[in-house]
Amino acid sequence: MSNLAYTNEDFDKIKKELIDGKIVMMSPRPRINHNRVCTAISREFSLYLKGKTCEAFSDGVDVFLDEKNRFIPDVMIVCNPDIVDDEGVHGAPDLVVEILSPTTARFDRGKKKDAYEKAGVKEYWIVDTFSRSIEVYLLNENKRFELENVYYHYSNEEKNKIKSLPEDSAERIKIYDEIKVSLYDDFIIKLDDIFARVR
């Protein structure tokens, strides 16, 4: 199915991605919080999607977007089974999650984000385990990513502090406890379930 100039053997030896036509080494083994969040999101996606057409995949599955872009997202949802085979996903997933690491952040926010947008990914999450936040981008009618919201996971202590501020305080912000996934009307994930073990 793939017309890439690089063979599977090139990629199988060491974990790497093809970004805008250039082979880019992936970061060293992810930190423990990266894995915790990746596992939690994958679990929540899989539980909700059980028995549905859409399917969740986690780290290790290749996405062949086009001849210049071959990525390995941390988590994704694919609703078209026809683009999935033993090699990976050939085309745009419906939702992609990238969890930031110091060495990959510029790609996740830059060229990879642009490639996902161009390919038609409907929803894109950028997860930061350090700030315990998730940026959610939705593809708008102009086929461009638009920031829907940034969701922060606050501790109970932080929530209480925010709630104790006067209503008109500039520091008082809206607290979100969950994210609504755009693919289904009732697909809601609690931030506590994503960041529960992040220290």
C-alpha atoms as a PDB file:
ATOM      1  CA  MET A   1       0.000   0.000   0.000  1.00  0.00           C
ATOM      2  CA  SER A   2       2.837   2.415   0.759  1.00  0.00           C
ATOM      3  CA  ASN A   3       4.899   4.257  -1.869  1.00  0.00           C
ATOM      4  CA  LEU A   4       7.488   5.598   0.574  1.00  0.00           C
ATOM      5  CA  ALA A   5      11.117   5.881  -0.524  1.00  0.00           C
ATOM      6  CA  TYR A   6      12.222   4.232   2.738  1.00  0.00           C
ATOM      7  CA  THR A   7      11.798   0.522   3.396  1.00  0.00           C
ATOM      8  CA  ASN A   8      10.206  -0.975   6.485  1.00  0.00           C
ATOM      9  CA  GLU A   9      13.632  -2.325   7.443  1.00  0.00           C
ATOM     10  CA  ASP A  10      14.925   1.275   7.729  1.00  0.00           C
ATOM     11  CA  PHE A  11      12.302   1.980  10.353  1.00  0.00           C
ATOM     12  CA  ASP A  12      12.292  -1.343  12.166  1.00  0.00           C
ATOM     13  CA  LYS A  13      15.928  -1.148  13.278  1.00  0.00           C
ATOM     14  CA  ILE A  14      15.520   1.982  15.403  1.00  0.00           C
ATOM     15  CA  LYS A  15      12.293   3.794  16.258  1.00  0.00           C
ATOM     16  CA  LYS A  16      11.995   6.800  13.971  1.00  0.00           C
ATOM     17  CA  GLU A  17       9.500   8.821  11.994  1.00  0.00           C
ATOM     18  CA  LEU A  18       9.458  10.375   8.544  1.00  0.00           C
ATOM     19  CA  ILE A  19       8.607  14.070   8.943  1.00  0.00           C
ATOM     20  CA  ASP A  20       8.343  16.227   5.830  1.00  0.00           C
ATOM     21  CA  GLY A  21      10.552  13.776   3.926  1.00  0.00           C
ATOM     22  CA  LYS A  22      13.298  13.549   6.558  1.00  0.00           C
ATOM     23  CA  ILE A  23      13.991  10.637   8.899  1.00  0.00           C
ATOM     24  CA  VAL A  24      13.803  11.862  12.487  1.00  0.00           C
ATOM     25  CA  MET A  25      14.961   9.747  15.406  1.00  0.00           C
ATOM     26  CA  MET A  26      12.328   9.423  18.084  1.00  0.00           C
ATOM     27  CA  SER A  27      13.142  10.381  21.647  1.00  0.00           C
ATOM     28  CA  PRO A  28      14.778   7.878  23.975  1.00  0.00           C
ATOM     29  CA  ARG A  29      12.468   5.642  25.959  1.00  0.00           C
ATOM     30  CA  PRO A  30       9.638   7.806  27.325  1.00  0.00           C
ATOM     31  CA  ARG A  31       9.522   8.862  30.947  1.00  0.00           C
ATOM     32  CA  ILE A  32       7.168   7.054  33.298  1.00  0.00           C
ATOM     33  CA  ASN A  33       4.510   9.808  33.299  1.00  0.00           C
ATOM     34  CA  HIS A  34       4.439   9.705  29.494  1.00  0.00           C
ATOM     35  CA  ASN A  35       3.652   6.002  29.664  1.00  0.00           C
ATOM     36  CA  ARG A  36       1.078   6.454  32.433  1.00  0.00           C
ATOM     37  CA  VAL A  37      -0.849   9.032  30.435  1.00  0.00           C
ATOM     38  CA  CYS A  38      -0.532   7.091  27.172  1.00  0.00           C
ATOM     39  CA  THR A  39      -1.869   3.946  28.833  1.00  0.00           C
ATOM     40  CA  ALA A  40      -4.704   5.829  30.556  1.00  0.00           C
ATOM     41  CA  ILE A  41      -5.902   7.547  27.366  1.00  0.00           C
ATOM     42  CA  SER A  42      -5.663   4.325  25.366  1.00  0.00           C
ATOM     43  CA  ARG A  43      -7.645   2.488  28.064  1.00  0.00           C
ATOM     44  CA  GLU A  44     -10.395   5.133  28.148  1.00  0.00           C
ATOM     45  CA  PHE A  45     -10.649   5.168  24.353  1.00  0.00           C
ATOM     46  CA  SER A  46     -10.767   1.363  24.119  1.00  0.00           C
ATOM     47  CA  LEU A  47     -13.397   1.022  26.850  1.00  0.00           C
ATOM     48  CA  TYR A  48     -15.717   3.505  25.181  1.00  0.00           C
ATOM     49  CA  LEU A  49     -15.180   2.156  21.649  1.00  0.00           C
ATOM     50  CA  LYS A  50     -15.849  -1.489  22.535  1.00  0.00           C
ATOM     51  CA  GLY A  51     -18.432  -2.787  20.051  1.00  0.00           C
ATOM     52  CA  LYS A  52     -18.239   0.341  17.875  1.00  0.00           C
ATOM     53  CA  THR A  53     -16.817   0.780  14.358  1.00  0.00           C
ATOM     54  CA  CYS A  54     -14.025   3.099  15.490  1.00  0.00           C
ATOM     55  CA  GLU A  55     -10.922   1.503  17.003  1.00  0.00           C
ATOM     56  CA  ALA A  56      -8.206   2.819  19.315  1.00  0.00           C
ATOM     57  CA  PHE A  57      -4.502   2.150  18.734  1.00  0.00           C
ATOM     58  CA  SER A  58      -1.615   3.046  21.015  1.00  0.00           C
ATOM     59  CA  ASP A  59       2.121   3.668  20.622  1.00  0.00           C
ATOM     60  CA  GLY A  60       3.877   1.482  18.090  1.00  0.00           C
ATOM     61  CA  VAL A  61       1.448   1.658  15.152  1.00  0.00           C
ATOM     62  CA  ASP A  62       2.674   3.441  12.028  1.00  0.00           C
ATOM     63  CA  VAL A  63       0.535   6.021  10.250  1.00  0.00           C
ATOM     64  CA  PHE A  64       1.335   6.508   6.546  1.00  0.00           C
ATOM     65  CA  LEU A  65      -0.125   9.970   5.881  1.00  0.00           C
ATOM     66  CA  ASP A  66       1.629  10.530   2.544  1.00  0.00           C
ATOM     67  CA  GLU A  67       4.995   9.978   0.824  1.00  0.00           C
ATOM     68  CA  LYS A  68       6.741  12.479   3.116  1.00  0.00           C
ATOM     69  CA  ASN A  69       5.077  11.755   6.440  1.00  0.00           C
ATOM     70  CA  ARG A  70       5.083   8.513   8.394  1.00  0.00           C
ATOM     71  CA  PHE A  71       4.352   8.968  12.087  1.00  0.00           C
ATOM     72  CA  ILE A  72       3.909   6.841  15.195  1.00  0.00           C
ATOM     73  CA  PRO A  73       1.297   8.646  17.311  1.00  0.00           C
ATOM     74  CA  ASP A  74       1.073   7.925  21.026  1.00  0.00           C
ATOM     75  CA  VAL A  75      -2.640   7.121  20.732  1.00  0.00           C
ATOM     76  CA  MET A  76      -5.152   7.393  17.901  1.00  0.00           C
ATOM     77  CA  ILE A  77      -8.685   6.498  16.889  1.00  0.00           C
ATOM     78  CA  VAL A  78      -9.450   5.184  13.401  1.00  0.00           C
ATOM     79  CA  CYS A  79     -13.057   4.875  12.244  1.00  0.00           C
ATOM     80  CA  ASN A  80     -12.428   3.555   8.710  1.00  0.00           C
ATOM     81  CA  PRO A  81     -11.310  -0.095   8.949  1.00  0.00           C
ATOM     82  CA  ASP A  82     -10.403  -0.059   5.235  1.00  0.00           C
ATOM     83  CA  ILE A  83      -7.262   2.038   5.905  1.00  0.00           C
ATOM     84  CA  VAL A  84      -5.888  -0.416   8.507  1.00  0.00           C
ATOM     85  CA  ASP A  85      -3.687  -3.394   7.621  1.00  0.00           C
ATOM     86  CA  ASP A  86      -0.818  -5.356   9.191  1.00  0.00           C
ATOM     87  CA  GLU A  87       1.683  -2.565   8.397  1.00  0.00           C
ATOM     88  CA  GLY A  88      -0.352   0.169  10.079  1.00  0.00           C
ATOM     89  CA  VAL A  89      -2.799   2.908   9.147  1.00  0.00           C
ATOM     90  CA  HIS A  90      -2.737   4.229   5.570  1.00  0.00           C
ATOM     91  CA  GLY A  91      -4.396   7.626   5.678  1.00  0.00           C
ATOM     92  CA  ALA A  92      -5.705  10.018   8.298  1.00  0.00           C
ATOM     93  CA  PRO A  93      -6.852   8.722  11.679  1.00  0.00           C
ATOM     94  CA  ASP A  94      -9.957  10.467  13.019  1.00  0.00           C
ATOM     95  CA  LEU A  95      -8.285  11.491  16.281  1.00  0.00           C
ATOM     96  CA  VAL A  96      -4.587  11.680  17.146  1.00  0.00           C
ATOM     97  CA  VAL A  97      -2.934  12.137  20.545  1.00  0.00           C
ATOM     98  CA  GLU A  98       0.697  13.213  20.853  1.00  0.00           C
ATOM     99  CA  ILE A  99       2.271  13.362  24.318  1.00  0.00           C
ATOM    100  CA  LEU A 100       5.054  15.918  24.453  1.00  0.00           C
ATOM    101  CA  SER A 101       8.648  15.103  25.256  1.00  0.00           C
ATOM    102  CA  PRO A 102      11.506  17.632  25.231  1.00  0.00           C
ATOM    103  CA  THR A 103      12.940  16.280  21.977  1.00  0.00           C
ATOM    104  CA  THR A 104       9.653  15.950  20.041  1.00  0.00           C
ATOM    105  CA  ALA A 105       7.594  18.954  21.201  1.00  0.00           C
ATOM    106  CA  ARG A 106       8.610  21.212  18.307  1.00  0.00           C
ATOM    107  CA  PHE A 107       7.501  18.592  15.773  1.00  0.00           C
ATOM    108  CA  ASP A 108       4.242  17.779  17.596  1.00  0.00           C
ATOM    109  CA  ARG A 109       3.363  21.498  17.641  1.00  0.00           C
ATOM    110  CA  GLY A 110       4.817  22.227  14.191  1.00  0.00           C
ATOM    111  CA  LYS A 111       5.327  20.002  11.165  1.00  0.00           C
ATOM    112  CA  LYS A 112       3.410  16.998  12.505  1.00  0.00           C
ATOM    113  CA  LYS A 113       0.458  19.161  13.515  1.00  0.00           C
ATOM    114  CA  ASP A 114       0.482  20.743  10.034  1.00  0.00           C
ATOM    115  CA  ALA A 115       0.627  17.317   8.359  1.00  0.00           C
ATOM    116  CA  TYR A 116      -2.243  15.969  10.478  1.00  0.00           C
ATOM    117  CA  GLU A 117      -4.288  19.052   9.603  1.00  0.00           C
ATOM    118  CA  LYS A 118      -3.555  18.740   5.875  1.00  0.00           C
ATOM    119  CA  ALA A 119      -4.447  15.027   5.926  1.00  0.00           C
ATOM    120  CA  GLY A 120      -7.841  15.761   7.503  1.00  0.00           C
ATOM    121  CA  VAL A 121      -7.456  14.467  11.071  1.00  0.00           C
ATOM    122  CA  LYS A 122     -10.667  15.617  12.779  1.00  0.00           C
ATOM    123  CA  GLU A 123      -9.331  16.023  16.312  1.00  0.00           C
ATOM    124  CA  TYR A 124      -5.779  16.487  17.598  1.00  0.00           C
ATOM    125  CA  TRP A 125      -4.652  16.391  21.232  1.00  0.00           C
ATOM    126  CA  ILE A 126      -1.315  17.712  22.476  1.00  0.00           C
ATOM    127  CA  VAL A 127      -0.708  16.412  25.986  1.00  0.00           C
ATOM    128  CA  ASP A 128       1.809  17.949  28.379  1.00  0.00           C
ATOM    129  CA  THR A 129       2.488  15.728  31.399  1.00  0.00           C
ATOM    130  CA  PHE A 130       4.526  18.446  33.139  1.00  0.00           C
ATOM    131  CA  SER A 131       1.690  20.999  33.225  1.00  0.00           C
ATOM    132  CA  ARG A 132      -0.944  18.237  33.279  1.00  0.00           C
ATOM    133  CA  SER A 133      -2.734  19.836  30.347  1.00  0.00           C
ATOM    134  CA  ILE A 134      -4.346  18.808  27.070  1.00  0.00           C
ATOM    135  CA  GLU A 135      -4.733  21.136  24.087  1.00  0.00           C
ATOM    136  CA  VAL A 136      -7.632  19.995  21.910  1.00  0.00           C
ATOM    137  CA  TYR A 137      -7.717  21.095  18.266  1.00  0.00           C
ATOM    138  CA  LEU A 138     -10.734  20.441  16.032  1.00  0.00           C
ATOM    139  CA  LEU A 139     -10.736  20.582  12.239  1.00  0.00           C
ATOM    140  CA  ASN A 140     -13.068  23.419  11.236  1.00  0.00           C
ATOM    141  CA  GLU A 141     -15.127  23.910   8.083  1.00  0.00           C
ATOM    142  CA  ASN A 142     -12.101  25.499   6.386  1.00  0.00           C
ATOM    143  CA  LYS A 143     -10.089  22.313   7.015  1.00  0.00           C
ATOM    144  CA  ARG A 144      -7.867  24.082   9.547  1.00  0.00           C
ATOM    145  CA  PHE A 145      -7.161  23.145  13.144  1.00  0.00           C
ATOM    146  CA  GLU A 146      -8.837  25.443  15.609  1.00  0.00           C
ATOM    147  CA  LEU A 147      -8.016  25.365  19.317  1.00  0.00           C
ATOM    148  CA  GLU A 148     -11.180  24.179  21.039  1.00  0.00           C
ATOM    149  CA  ASN A 149      -9.791  24.480  24.576  1.00  0.00           C
ATOM    150  CA  VAL A 150      -6.845  23.820  26.864  1.00  0.00           C
ATOM    151  CA  TYR A 151      -7.817  21.482  29.684  1.00  0.00           C
ATOM    152  CA  TYR A 152      -5.781  21.589  32.907  1.00  0.00           C
ATOM    153  CA  HIS A 153      -5.907  18.899  35.534  1.00  0.00           C
ATOM    154  CA  TYR A 154      -5.859  20.608  38.909  1.00  0.00           C
ATOM    155  CA  SER A 155      -5.299  18.906  42.236  1.00  0.00           C
ATOM    156  CA  ASN A 156      -8.093  19.201  44.809  1.00  0.00           C
ATOM    157  CA  GLU A 157      -5.967  21.737  46.663  1.00  0.00           C
ATOM    158  CA  GLU A 158      -5.551  23.831  43.503  1.00  0.00           C
ATOM    159  CA  LYS A 159      -9.287  23.603  42.736  1.00  0.00           C
ATOM    160  CA  ASN A 160     -10.193  24.768  46.240  1.00  0.00           C
ATOM    161  CA  LYS A 161      -7.798  27.695  45.958  1.00  0.00           C
ATOM    162  CA  ILE A 162      -9.304  28.768  42.620  1.00  0.00           C
ATOM    163  CA  LYS A 163     -12.859  28.401  43.939  1.00  0.00           C
ATOM    164  CA  SER A 164     -12.023  30.504  46.990  1.00  0.00           C
ATOM    165  CA  LEU A 165     -11.118  33.499  44.830  1.00  0.00           C
ATOM    166  CA  PRO A 166     -13.710  36.282  44.418  1.00  0.00           C
ATOM    167  CA  GLU A 167     -16.041  35.823  41.409  1.00  0.00           C
ATOM    168  CA  ASP A 168     -14.633  38.936  39.708  1.00  0.00           C
ATOM    169  CA  SER A 169     -10.980  38.047  40.305  1.00  0.00           C
ATOM    170  CA  ALA A 170      -8.797  37.977  37.184  1.00  0.00           C
ATOM    171  CA  GLU A 171      -7.119  34.865  38.605  1.00  0.00           C
ATOM    172  CA  ARG A 172     -10.369  32.931  38.910  1.00  0.00           C
ATOM    173  CA  ILE A 173     -10.578  30.587  35.942  1.00  0.00           C
ATOM    174  CA  LYS A 174     -13.045  27.987  34.737  1.00  0.00           C
ATOM    175  CA  ILE A 175     -12.193  24.490  35.893  1.00  0.00           C
ATOM    176  CA  TYR A 176     -12.893  21.629  33.490  1.00  0.00           C
ATOM    177  CA  ASP A 177     -13.117  18.123  34.900  1.00  0.00           C
ATOM    178  CA  GLU A 178     -13.657  16.299  31.613  1.00  0.00           C
ATOM    179  CA  ILE A 179     -13.132  16.394  27.861  1.00  0.00           C
ATOM    180  CA  LYS A 180     -15.878  15.686  25.351  1.00  0.00           C
ATOM    181  CA  VAL A 181     -14.448  13.781  22.377  1.00  0.00           C
ATOM    182  CA  SER A 182     -15.997  15.145  19.178  1.00  0.00           C
ATOM    183  CA  LEU A 183     -16.442  11.787  17.434  1.00  0.00           C
ATOM    184  CA  TYR A 184     -19.507  10.768  19.481  1.00  0.00           C
ATOM    185  CA  ASP A 185     -22.079  12.834  21.369  1.00  0.00           C
ATOM    186  CA  ASP A 186     -21.644  10.912  24.622  1.00  0.00           C
ATOM    187  CA  PHE A 187     -17.876  10.284  24.482  1.00  0.00           C
ATOM    188  CA  ILE A 188     -16.610  11.999  27.643  1.00  0.00           C
ATOM    189  CA  ILE A 189     -13.330  11.367  29.479  1.00  0.00           C
ATOM    190  CA  LYS A 190     -12.518  12.592  32.958  1.00  0.00           C
ATOM    191  CA  LEU A 191      -9.207  14.361  33.423  1.00  0.00           C
ATOM    192  CA  ASP A 192      -8.814  12.495  36.724  1.00  0.00           C
ATOM    193  CA  ASP A 193      -8.766   9.236  34.760  1.00  0.00           C
ATOM    194  CA  ILE A 194      -6.015  10.524  32.466  1.00  0.00           C
ATOM    195  CA  PHE A 195      -3.709  12.149  35.020  1.00  0.00           C
ATOM    196  CA  ALA A 196      -4.537  10.076  38.114  1.00  0.00           C
ATOM    197  CA  ARG A 197      -1.022   8.662  38.559  1.00  0.00           C
ATOM    198  CA  VAL A 198       1.009  11.589  37.215  1.00  0.00           C
ATOM    199  CA  ARG A 199       3.404  12.923  39.860  1.00  0.00           C
END
